[in-house]
Amino acid sequence: ILASARSLYRAFLDAEMMANWRAPE
């Protein structure tokens, strides 16, 4: 993924962000 580990790790620390990316199609 064209992002830093810091940005990616933060996506696991925010419930709203996680809800946006975790669900499969």
mmCIF file of all heavy atoms, coordinates in Angstrom:
data_MODEL
# 
_entry.id   MODEL 
# 
loop_
_atom_site.group_PDB 
_atom_site.id 
_atom_site.type_symbol 
_atom_site.label_atom_id 
_atom_site.label_alt_id 
_atom_site.label_comp_id 
_atom_site.label_asym_id 
_atom_site.label_entity_id 
_atom_site.label_seq_id 
_atom_site.pdbx_PDB_ins_code 
_atom_site.Cartn_x 
_atom_site.Cartn_y 
_atom_site.Cartn_z 
_atom_site.occupancy 
_atom_site.B_iso_or_equiv 
_atom_site.pdbx_formal_charge 
_atom_site.auth_seq_id 
_atom_site.auth_comp_id 
_atom_site.auth_asym_id 
_atom_site.auth_atom_id 
_atom_site.pdbx_PDB_model_num 
ATOM 1   N N   . ILE A 1 1  ? 0.855   -1.181 0.000  1.00 0.00 ? 1  ILE A N   1 
ATOM 2   C CA  . ILE A 1 1  ? 0.000   0.000  0.000  1.00 0.00 ? 1  ILE A CA  1 
ATOM 3   C C   . ILE A 1 1  ? 0.892   1.233  0.000  1.00 0.00 ? 1  ILE A C   1 
ATOM 4   O O   . ILE A 1 1  ? 1.869   1.308  0.751  1.00 0.00 ? 1  ILE A O   1 
ATOM 5   C CB  . ILE A 1 1  ? -0.955  -0.014 1.214  1.00 0.00 ? 1  ILE A CB  1 
ATOM 6   C CG1 . ILE A 1 1  ? -1.848  -1.262 1.137  1.00 0.00 ? 1  ILE A CG1 1 
ATOM 7   C CG2 . ILE A 1 1  ? -1.790  1.261  1.264  1.00 0.00 ? 1  ILE A CG2 1 
ATOM 8   C CD1 . ILE A 1 1  ? -2.790  -1.433 2.303  1.00 0.00 ? 1  ILE A CD1 1 
ATOM 9   N N   . LEU A 1 2  ? 0.558   2.181  -0.844 1.00 0.00 ? 2  LEU A N   1 
ATOM 10  C CA  . LEU A 1 2  ? 1.360   3.393  -1.003 1.00 0.00 ? 2  LEU A CA  1 
ATOM 11  C C   . LEU A 1 2  ? 1.059   4.373  0.133  1.00 0.00 ? 2  LEU A C   1 
ATOM 12  O O   . LEU A 1 2  ? 0.500   5.448  -0.067 1.00 0.00 ? 2  LEU A O   1 
ATOM 13  C CB  . LEU A 1 2  ? 1.085   4.046  -2.359 1.00 0.00 ? 2  LEU A CB  1 
ATOM 14  C CG  . LEU A 1 2  ? 1.287   3.141  -3.573 1.00 0.00 ? 2  LEU A CG  1 
ATOM 15  C CD1 . LEU A 1 2  ? 0.873   3.848  -4.857 1.00 0.00 ? 2  LEU A CD1 1 
ATOM 16  C CD2 . LEU A 1 2  ? 2.730   2.681  -3.646 1.00 0.00 ? 2  LEU A CD2 1 
ATOM 17  N N   . ALA A 1 3  ? 1.412   3.975  1.327  1.00 0.00 ? 3  ALA A N   1 
ATOM 18  C CA  . ALA A 1 3  ? 1.203   4.780  2.526  1.00 0.00 ? 3  ALA A CA  1 
ATOM 19  C C   . ALA A 1 3  ? 2.243   4.368  3.552  1.00 0.00 ? 3  ALA A C   1 
ATOM 20  O O   . ALA A 1 3  ? 2.813   3.276  3.473  1.00 0.00 ? 3  ALA A O   1 
ATOM 21  C CB  . ALA A 1 3  ? -0.205  4.563  3.074  1.00 0.00 ? 3  ALA A CB  1 
ATOM 22  N N   . SER A 1 4  ? 2.465   5.228  4.515  1.00 0.00 ? 4  SER A N   1 
ATOM 23  C CA  . SER A 1 4  ? 3.426   4.913  5.572  1.00 0.00 ? 4  SER A CA  1 
ATOM 24  C C   . SER A 1 4  ? 2.818   3.919  6.556  1.00 0.00 ? 4  SER A C   1 
ATOM 25  O O   . SER A 1 4  ? 1.592   3.818  6.696  1.00 0.00 ? 4  SER A O   1 
ATOM 26  C CB  . SER A 1 4  ? 3.817   6.186  6.319  1.00 0.00 ? 4  SER A CB  1 
ATOM 27  O OG  . SER A 1 4  ? 2.715   6.675  7.073  1.00 0.00 ? 4  SER A OG  1 
ATOM 28  N N   . ALA A 1 5  ? 3.679   3.200  7.250  1.00 0.00 ? 5  ALA A N   1 
ATOM 29  C CA  . ALA A 1 5  ? 3.219   2.281  8.295  1.00 0.00 ? 5  ALA A CA  1 
ATOM 30  C C   . ALA A 1 5  ? 2.442   3.054  9.362  1.00 0.00 ? 5  ALA A C   1 
ATOM 31  O O   . ALA A 1 5  ? 1.469   2.539  9.916  1.00 0.00 ? 5  ALA A O   1 
ATOM 32  C CB  . ALA A 1 5  ? 4.405   1.541  8.907  1.00 0.00 ? 5  ALA A CB  1 
ATOM 33  N N   . ARG A 1 6  ? 2.848   4.279  9.616  1.00 0.00 ? 6  ARG A N   1 
ATOM 34  C CA  . ARG A 1 6  ? 2.165   5.112  10.611 1.00 0.00 ? 6  ARG A CA  1 
ATOM 35  C C   . ARG A 1 6  ? 0.709   5.353  10.216 1.00 0.00 ? 6  ARG A C   1 
ATOM 36  O O   . ARG A 1 6  ? -0.209  5.175  11.018 1.00 0.00 ? 6  ARG A O   1 
ATOM 37  C CB  . ARG A 1 6  ? 2.883   6.450  10.782 1.00 0.00 ? 6  ARG A CB  1 
ATOM 38  C CG  . ARG A 1 6  ? 2.099   7.434  11.643 1.00 0.00 ? 6  ARG A CG  1 
ATOM 39  C CD  . ARG A 1 6  ? 2.830   8.707  11.822 1.00 0.00 ? 6  ARG A CD  1 
ATOM 40  N NE  . ARG A 1 6  ? 3.649   8.505  13.012 1.00 0.00 ? 6  ARG A NE  1 
ATOM 41  C CZ  . ARG A 1 6  ? 4.487   9.375  13.491 1.00 0.00 ? 6  ARG A CZ  1 
ATOM 42  N NH1 . ARG A 1 6  ? 4.683   10.521 12.880 1.00 0.00 ? 6  ARG A NH1 1 
ATOM 43  N NH2 . ARG A 1 6  ? 5.167   9.128  14.582 1.00 0.00 ? 6  ARG A NH2 1 
ATOM 44  N N   . SER A 1 7  ? 0.475   5.743  8.955  1.00 0.00 ? 7  SER A N   1 
ATOM 45  C CA  . SER A 1 7  ? -0.897  5.977  8.476  1.00 0.00 ? 7  SER A CA  1 
ATOM 46  C C   . SER A 1 7  ? -1.724  4.709  8.526  1.00 0.00 ? 7  SER A C   1 
ATOM 47  O O   . SER A 1 7  ? -2.897  4.723  8.906  1.00 0.00 ? 7  SER A O   1 
ATOM 48  C CB  . SER A 1 7  ? -0.886  6.499  7.037  1.00 0.00 ? 7  SER A CB  1 
ATOM 49  O OG  . SER A 1 7  ? -0.286  7.756  6.969  1.00 0.00 ? 7  SER A OG  1 
ATOM 50  N N   . LEU A 1 8  ? -1.117  3.606  8.126  1.00 0.00 ? 8  LEU A N   1 
ATOM 51  C CA  . LEU A 1 8  ? -1.831  2.331  8.107  1.00 0.00 ? 8  LEU A CA  1 
ATOM 52  C C   . LEU A 1 8  ? -2.162  1.859  9.516  1.00 0.00 ? 8  LEU A C   1 
ATOM 53  O O   . LEU A 1 8  ? -3.280  1.402  9.784  1.00 0.00 ? 8  LEU A O   1 
ATOM 54  C CB  . LEU A 1 8  ? -1.012  1.294  7.347  1.00 0.00 ? 8  LEU A CB  1 
ATOM 55  C CG  . LEU A 1 8  ? -0.877  1.609  5.854  1.00 0.00 ? 8  LEU A CG  1 
ATOM 56  C CD1 . LEU A 1 8  ? 0.262   0.827  5.243  1.00 0.00 ? 8  LEU A CD1 1 
ATOM 57  C CD2 . LEU A 1 8  ? -2.183  1.349  5.134  1.00 0.00 ? 8  LEU A CD2 1 
ATOM 58  N N   . TYR A 1 9  ? -1.212  1.979  10.418 1.00 0.00 ? 9  TYR A N   1 
ATOM 59  C CA  . TYR A 1 9  ? -1.445  1.578  11.811 1.00 0.00 ? 9  TYR A CA  1 
ATOM 60  C C   . TYR A 1 9  ? -2.582  2.396  12.416 1.00 0.00 ? 9  TYR A C   1 
ATOM 61  O O   . TYR A 1 9  ? -3.436  1.867  13.125 1.00 0.00 ? 9  TYR A O   1 
ATOM 62  C CB  . TYR A 1 9  ? -0.147  1.758  12.613 1.00 0.00 ? 9  TYR A CB  1 
ATOM 63  C CG  . TYR A 1 9  ? -0.232  1.255  14.032 1.00 0.00 ? 9  TYR A CG  1 
ATOM 64  C CD1 . TYR A 1 9  ? -0.092  -0.094 14.321 1.00 0.00 ? 9  TYR A CD1 1 
ATOM 65  C CD2 . TYR A 1 9  ? -0.433  2.134  15.090 1.00 0.00 ? 9  TYR A CD2 1 
ATOM 66  C CE1 . TYR A 1 9  ? -0.167  -0.565 15.625 1.00 0.00 ? 9  TYR A CE1 1 
ATOM 67  C CE2 . TYR A 1 9  ? -0.504  1.681  16.394 1.00 0.00 ? 9  TYR A CE2 1 
ATOM 68  C CZ  . TYR A 1 9  ? -0.375  0.331  16.662 1.00 0.00 ? 9  TYR A CZ  1 
ATOM 69  O OH  . TYR A 1 9  ? -0.453  -0.126 17.951 1.00 0.00 ? 9  TYR A OH  1 
ATOM 70  N N   . ARG A 1 10 ? -2.627  3.689  12.082 1.00 0.00 ? 10 ARG A N   1 
ATOM 71  C CA  . ARG A 1 10 ? -3.687  4.560  12.617 1.00 0.00 ? 10 ARG A CA  1 
ATOM 72  C C   . ARG A 1 10 ? -5.071  4.135  12.153 1.00 0.00 ? 10 ARG A C   1 
ATOM 73  O O   . ARG A 1 10 ? -6.060  4.372  12.835 1.00 0.00 ? 10 ARG A O   1 
ATOM 74  C CB  . ARG A 1 10 ? -3.419  6.017  12.259 1.00 0.00 ? 10 ARG A CB  1 
ATOM 75  C CG  . ARG A 1 10 ? -2.352  6.621  13.147 1.00 0.00 ? 10 ARG A CG  1 
ATOM 76  C CD  . ARG A 1 10 ? -2.349  8.114  13.092 1.00 0.00 ? 10 ARG A CD  1 
ATOM 77  N NE  . ARG A 1 10 ? -1.983  8.583  11.765 1.00 0.00 ? 10 ARG A NE  1 
ATOM 78  C CZ  . ARG A 1 10 ? -1.215  9.617  11.523 1.00 0.00 ? 10 ARG A CZ  1 
ATOM 79  N NH1 . ARG A 1 10 ? -0.716  10.295 12.521 1.00 0.00 ? 10 ARG A NH1 1 
ATOM 80  N NH2 . ARG A 1 10 ? -0.933  9.978  10.302 1.00 0.00 ? 10 ARG A NH2 1 
ATOM 81  N N   . ALA A 1 11 ? -5.150  3.485  10.986 1.00 0.00 ? 11 ALA A N   1 
ATOM 82  C CA  . ALA A 1 11 ? -6.444  3.013  10.488 1.00 0.00 ? 11 ALA A CA  1 
ATOM 83  C C   . ALA A 1 11 ? -7.021  1.913  11.373 1.00 0.00 ? 11 ALA A C   1 
ATOM 84  O O   . ALA A 1 11 ? -8.212  1.616  11.304 1.00 0.00 ? 11 ALA A O   1 
ATOM 85  C CB  . ALA A 1 11 ? -6.304  2.521  9.053  1.00 0.00 ? 11 ALA A CB  1 
ATOM 86  N N   . PHE A 1 12 ? -6.175  1.315  12.217 1.00 0.00 ? 12 PHE A N   1 
ATOM 87  C CA  . PHE A 1 12 ? -6.618  0.303  13.174 1.00 0.00 ? 12 PHE A CA  1 
ATOM 88  C C   . PHE A 1 12 ? -7.011  0.927  14.512 1.00 0.00 ? 12 PHE A C   1 
ATOM 89  O O   . PHE A 1 12 ? -7.546  0.242  15.375 1.00 0.00 ? 12 PHE A O   1 
ATOM 90  C CB  . PHE A 1 12 ? -5.506  -0.718 13.427 1.00 0.00 ? 12 PHE A CB  1 
ATOM 91  C CG  . PHE A 1 12 ? -5.308  -1.712 12.334 1.00 0.00 ? 12 PHE A CG  1 
ATOM 92  C CD1 . PHE A 1 12 ? -4.603  -1.375 11.187 1.00 0.00 ? 12 PHE A CD1 1 
ATOM 93  C CD2 . PHE A 1 12 ? -5.809  -3.001 12.439 1.00 0.00 ? 12 PHE A CD2 1 
ATOM 94  C CE1 . PHE A 1 12 ? -4.394  -2.293 10.178 1.00 0.00 ? 12 PHE A CE1 1 
ATOM 95  C CE2 . PHE A 1 12 ? -5.617  -3.925 11.424 1.00 0.00 ? 12 PHE A CE2 1 
ATOM 96  C CZ  . PHE A 1 12 ? -4.910  -3.572 10.295 1.00 0.00 ? 12 PHE A CZ  1 
ATOM 97  N N   . LEU A 1 13 ? -6.704  2.202  14.708 1.00 0.00 ? 13 LEU A N   1 
ATOM 98  C CA  . LEU A 1 13 ? -6.923  2.861  15.997 1.00 0.00 ? 13 LEU A CA  1 
ATOM 99  C C   . LEU A 1 13 ? -8.185  3.707  16.038 1.00 0.00 ? 13 LEU A C   1 
ATOM 100 O O   . LEU A 1 13 ? -8.486  4.316  17.054 1.00 0.00 ? 13 LEU A O   1 
ATOM 101 C CB  . LEU A 1 13 ? -5.716  3.754  16.338 1.00 0.00 ? 13 LEU A CB  1 
ATOM 102 C CG  . LEU A 1 13 ? -4.364  3.063  16.411 1.00 0.00 ? 13 LEU A CG  1 
ATOM 103 C CD1 . LEU A 1 13 ? -3.282  4.078  16.749 1.00 0.00 ? 13 LEU A CD1 1 
ATOM 104 C CD2 . LEU A 1 13 ? -4.372  1.923  17.413 1.00 0.00 ? 13 LEU A CD2 1 
ATOM 105 N N   . ASP A 1 14 ? -8.918  3.753  14.941 1.00 0.00 ? 14 ASP A N   1 
ATOM 106 C CA  . ASP A 1 14 ? -10.094 4.603  14.827 1.00 0.00 ? 14 ASP A CA  1 
ATOM 107 C C   . ASP A 1 14 ? -11.274 3.725  14.401 1.00 0.00 ? 14 ASP A C   1 
ATOM 108 O O   . ASP A 1 14 ? -11.243 3.125  13.327 1.00 0.00 ? 14 ASP A O   1 
ATOM 109 C CB  . ASP A 1 14 ? -9.818  5.701  13.804 1.00 0.00 ? 14 ASP A CB  1 
ATOM 110 C CG  . ASP A 1 14 ? -10.974 6.661  13.652 1.00 0.00 ? 14 ASP A CG  1 
ATOM 111 O OD1 . ASP A 1 14 ? -11.976 6.271  13.019 1.00 0.00 ? 14 ASP A OD1 1 
ATOM 112 O OD2 . ASP A 1 14 ? -10.866 7.804  14.137 1.00 0.00 ? 14 ASP A OD2 1 
ATOM 113 N N   . ALA A 1 15 ? -12.310 3.673  15.219 1.00 0.00 ? 15 ALA A N   1 
ATOM 114 C CA  . ALA A 1 15 ? -13.456 2.794  14.948 1.00 0.00 ? 15 ALA A CA  1 
ATOM 115 C C   . ALA A 1 15 ? -14.143 3.137  13.632 1.00 0.00 ? 15 ALA A C   1 
ATOM 116 O O   . ALA A 1 15 ? -14.519 2.245  12.866 1.00 0.00 ? 15 ALA A O   1 
ATOM 117 C CB  . ALA A 1 15 ? -14.459 2.873  16.097 1.00 0.00 ? 15 ALA A CB  1 
ATOM 118 N N   . GLU A 1 16 ? -14.302 4.421  13.339 1.00 0.00 ? 16 GLU A N   1 
ATOM 119 C CA  . GLU A 1 16 ? -14.965 4.826  12.096 1.00 0.00 ? 16 GLU A CA  1 
ATOM 120 C C   . GLU A 1 16 ? -14.134 4.434  10.882 1.00 0.00 ? 16 GLU A C   1 
ATOM 121 O O   . GLU A 1 16 ? -14.667 3.928  9.886  1.00 0.00 ? 16 GLU A O   1 
ATOM 122 C CB  . GLU A 1 16 ? -15.230 6.327  12.102 1.00 0.00 ? 16 GLU A CB  1 
ATOM 123 C CG  . GLU A 1 16 ? -16.042 6.785  10.917 1.00 0.00 ? 16 GLU A CG  1 
ATOM 124 C CD  . GLU A 1 16 ? -16.382 8.270  10.986 1.00 0.00 ? 16 GLU A CD  1 
ATOM 125 O OE1 . GLU A 1 16 ? -16.418 8.835  12.094 1.00 0.00 ? 16 GLU A OE1 1 
ATOM 126 O OE2 . GLU A 1 16 ? -16.606 8.844  9.917  1.00 0.00 ? 16 GLU A OE2 1 
ATOM 127 N N   . MET A 1 17 ? -12.828 4.655  10.962 1.00 0.00 ? 17 MET A N   1 
ATOM 128 C CA  . MET A 1 17 ? -11.961 4.249  9.850  1.00 0.00 ? 17 MET A CA  1 
ATOM 129 C C   . MET A 1 17 ? -12.023 2.734  9.654  1.00 0.00 ? 17 MET A C   1 
ATOM 130 O O   . MET A 1 17 ? -12.128 2.249  8.526  1.00 0.00 ? 17 MET A O   1 
ATOM 131 C CB  . MET A 1 17 ? -10.516 4.684  10.090 1.00 0.00 ? 17 MET A CB  1 
ATOM 132 C CG  . MET A 1 17 ? -10.273 6.161  9.877  1.00 0.00 ? 17 MET A CG  1 
ATOM 133 S SD  . MET A 1 17 ? -8.537  6.601  10.124 1.00 0.00 ? 17 MET A SD  1 
ATOM 134 C CE  . MET A 1 17 ? -7.829  6.015  8.591  1.00 0.00 ? 17 MET A CE  1 
ATOM 135 N N   . MET A 1 18 ? -11.953 1.991  10.760 1.00 0.00 ? 18 MET A N   1 
ATOM 136 C CA  . MET A 1 18 ? -11.978 0.536  10.651 1.00 0.00 ? 18 MET A CA  1 
ATOM 137 C C   . MET A 1 18 ? -13.281 0.063  10.010 1.00 0.00 ? 18 MET A C   1 
ATOM 138 O O   . MET A 1 18 ? -13.274 -0.824 9.156  1.00 0.00 ? 18 MET A O   1 
ATOM 139 C CB  . MET A 1 18 ? -11.773 -0.124 12.011 1.00 0.00 ? 18 MET A CB  1 
ATOM 140 C CG  . MET A 1 18 ? -11.670 -1.638 11.894 1.00 0.00 ? 18 MET A CG  1 
ATOM 141 S SD  . MET A 1 18 ? -11.344 -2.455 13.448 1.00 0.00 ? 18 MET A SD  1 
ATOM 142 C CE  . MET A 1 18 ? -9.618  -2.095 13.679 1.00 0.00 ? 18 MET A CE  1 
ATOM 143 N N   . ALA A 1 19 ? -14.393 0.656  10.403 1.00 0.00 ? 19 ALA A N   1 
ATOM 144 C CA  . ALA A 1 19 ? -15.676 0.273  9.815  1.00 0.00 ? 19 ALA A CA  1 
ATOM 145 C C   . ALA A 1 19 ? -15.689 0.533  8.313  1.00 0.00 ? 19 ALA A C   1 
ATOM 146 O O   . ALA A 1 19 ? -16.335 -0.199 7.560  1.00 0.00 ? 19 ALA A O   1 
ATOM 147 C CB  . ALA A 1 19 ? -16.811 1.026  10.503 1.00 0.00 ? 19 ALA A CB  1 
ATOM 148 N N   . ASN A 1 20 ? -14.951 1.549  7.870  1.00 0.00 ? 20 ASN A N   1 
ATOM 149 C CA  . ASN A 1 20 ? -14.925 1.888  6.445  1.00 0.00 ? 20 ASN A CA  1 
ATOM 150 C C   . ASN A 1 20 ? -14.066 0.953  5.610  1.00 0.00 ? 20 ASN A C   1 
ATOM 151 O O   . ASN A 1 20 ? -14.316 0.798  4.419  1.00 0.00 ? 20 ASN A O   1 
ATOM 152 C CB  . ASN A 1 20 ? -14.466 3.336  6.242  1.00 0.00 ? 20 ASN A CB  1 
ATOM 153 C CG  . ASN A 1 20 ? -15.546 4.322  6.578  1.00 0.00 ? 20 ASN A CG  1 
ATOM 154 O OD1 . ASN A 1 20 ? -16.708 4.101  6.277  1.00 0.00 ? 20 ASN A OD1 1 
ATOM 155 N ND2 . ASN A 1 20 ? -15.173 5.403  7.225  1.00 0.00 ? 20 ASN A ND2 1 
ATOM 156 N N   . TRP A 1 21 ? -13.042 0.349  6.191  1.00 0.00 ? 21 TRP A N   1 
ATOM 157 C CA  . TRP A 1 21 ? -12.164 -0.479 5.359  1.00 0.00 ? 21 TRP A CA  1 
ATOM 158 C C   . TRP A 1 21 ? -12.260 -1.978 5.649  1.00 0.00 ? 21 TRP A C   1 
ATOM 159 O O   . TRP A 1 21 ? -11.927 -2.792 4.799  1.00 0.00 ? 21 TRP A O   1 
ATOM 160 C CB  . TRP A 1 21 ? -10.702 -0.021 5.453  1.00 0.00 ? 21 TRP A CB  1 
ATOM 161 C CG  . TRP A 1 21 ? -10.016 -0.230 6.762  1.00 0.00 ? 21 TRP A CG  1 
ATOM 162 C CD1 . TRP A 1 21 ? -9.867  0.678  7.756  1.00 0.00 ? 21 TRP A CD1 1 
ATOM 163 C CD2 . TRP A 1 21 ? -9.361  -1.422 7.206  1.00 0.00 ? 21 TRP A CD2 1 
ATOM 164 N NE1 . TRP A 1 21 ? -9.179  0.119  8.808  1.00 0.00 ? 21 TRP A NE1 1 
ATOM 165 C CE2 . TRP A 1 21 ? -8.847  -1.170 8.487  1.00 0.00 ? 21 TRP A CE2 1 
ATOM 166 C CE3 . TRP A 1 21 ? -9.150  -2.682 6.645  1.00 0.00 ? 21 TRP A CE3 1 
ATOM 167 C CZ2 . TRP A 1 21 ? -8.144  -2.118 9.220  1.00 0.00 ? 21 TRP A CZ2 1 
ATOM 168 C CZ3 . TRP A 1 21 ? -8.457  -3.632 7.377  1.00 0.00 ? 21 TRP A CZ3 1 
ATOM 169 C CH2 . TRP A 1 21 ? -7.963  -3.335 8.646  1.00 0.00 ? 21 TRP A CH2 1 
ATOM 170 N N   . ARG A 1 22 ? -12.720 -2.375 6.799  1.00 0.00 ? 22 ARG A N   1 
ATOM 171 C CA  . ARG A 1 22 ? -12.665 -3.789 7.173  1.00 0.00 ? 22 ARG A CA  1 
ATOM 172 C C   . ARG A 1 22 ? -13.693 -4.659 6.467  1.00 0.00 ? 22 ARG A C   1 
ATOM 173 O O   . ARG A 1 22 ? -13.442 -5.823 6.205  1.00 0.00 ? 22 ARG A O   1 
ATOM 174 C CB  . ARG A 1 22 ? -12.848 -3.924 8.690  1.00 0.00 ? 22 ARG A CB  1 
ATOM 175 C CG  . ARG A 1 22 ? -12.242 -5.192 9.278  1.00 0.00 ? 22 ARG A CG  1 
ATOM 176 C CD  . ARG A 1 22 ? -10.843 -4.919 9.662  1.00 0.00 ? 22 ARG A CD  1 
ATOM 177 N NE  . ARG A 1 22 ? -9.973  -6.020 9.878  1.00 0.00 ? 22 ARG A NE  1 
ATOM 178 C CZ  . ARG A 1 22 ? -9.269  -6.203 10.982 1.00 0.00 ? 22 ARG A CZ  1 
ATOM 179 N NH1 . ARG A 1 22 ? -9.411  -5.425 12.017 1.00 0.00 ? 22 ARG A NH1 1 
ATOM 180 N NH2 . ARG A 1 22 ? -8.392  -7.178 11.041 1.00 0.00 ? 22 ARG A NH2 1 
ATOM 181 N N   . ALA A 1 23 ? -14.858 -4.105 6.167  1.00 0.00 ? 23 ALA A N   1 
ATOM 182 C CA  . ALA A 1 23 ? -15.924 -4.909 5.561  1.00 0.00 ? 23 ALA A CA  1 
ATOM 183 C C   . ALA A 1 23 ? -15.591 -5.262 4.117  1.00 0.00 ? 23 ALA A C   1 
ATOM 184 O O   . ALA A 1 23 ? -15.245 -4.397 3.323  1.00 0.00 ? 23 ALA A O   1 
ATOM 185 C CB  . ALA A 1 23 ? -17.241 -4.142 5.605  1.00 0.00 ? 23 ALA A CB  1 
ATOM 186 N N   . PRO A 1 24 ? -15.703 -6.548 3.763  1.00 0.00 ? 24 PRO A N   1 
ATOM 187 C CA  . PRO A 1 24 ? -15.479 -6.934 2.372  1.00 0.00 ? 24 PRO A CA  1 
ATOM 188 C C   . PRO A 1 24 ? -16.622 -6.443 1.482  1.00 0.00 ? 24 PRO A C   1 
ATOM 189 O O   . PRO A 1 24 ? -17.660 -5.997 1.974  1.00 0.00 ? 24 PRO A O   1 
ATOM 190 C CB  . PRO A 1 24 ? -15.410 -8.461 2.410  1.00 0.00 ? 24 PRO A CB  1 
ATOM 191 C CG  . PRO A 1 24 ? -15.989 -8.874 3.704  1.00 0.00 ? 24 PRO A CG  1 
ATOM 192 C CD  . PRO A 1 24 ? -15.951 -7.692 4.623  1.00 0.00 ? 24 PRO A CD  1 
ATOM 193 N N   . GLU A 1 25 ? -16.423 -6.558 0.185  1.00 0.00 ? 25 GLU A N   1 
ATOM 194 C CA  . GLU A 1 25 ? -17.423 -6.132 -0.788 1.00 0.00 ? 25 GLU A CA  1 
ATOM 195 C C   . GLU A 1 25 ? -18.757 -6.825 -0.501 1.00 0.00 ? 25 GLU A C   1 
ATOM 196 O O   . GLU A 1 25 ? -18.803 -8.011 -0.181 1.00 0.00 ? 25 GLU A O   1 
ATOM 197 C CB  . GLU A 1 25 ? -16.942 -6.499 -2.189 1.00 0.00 ? 25 GLU A CB  1 
ATOM 198 C CG  . GLU A 1 25 ? -17.792 -5.929 -3.289 1.00 0.00 ? 25 GLU A CG  1 
ATOM 199 C CD  . GLU A 1 25 ? -17.206 -6.213 -4.650 1.00 0.00 ? 25 GLU A CD  1 
ATOM 200 O OE1 . GLU A 1 25 ? -15.975 -6.092 -4.807 1.00 0.00 ? 25 GLU A OE1 1 
ATOM 201 O OE2 . GLU A 1 25 ? -17.990 -6.563 -5.545 1.00 0.00 ? 25 GLU A OE2 1 
# 
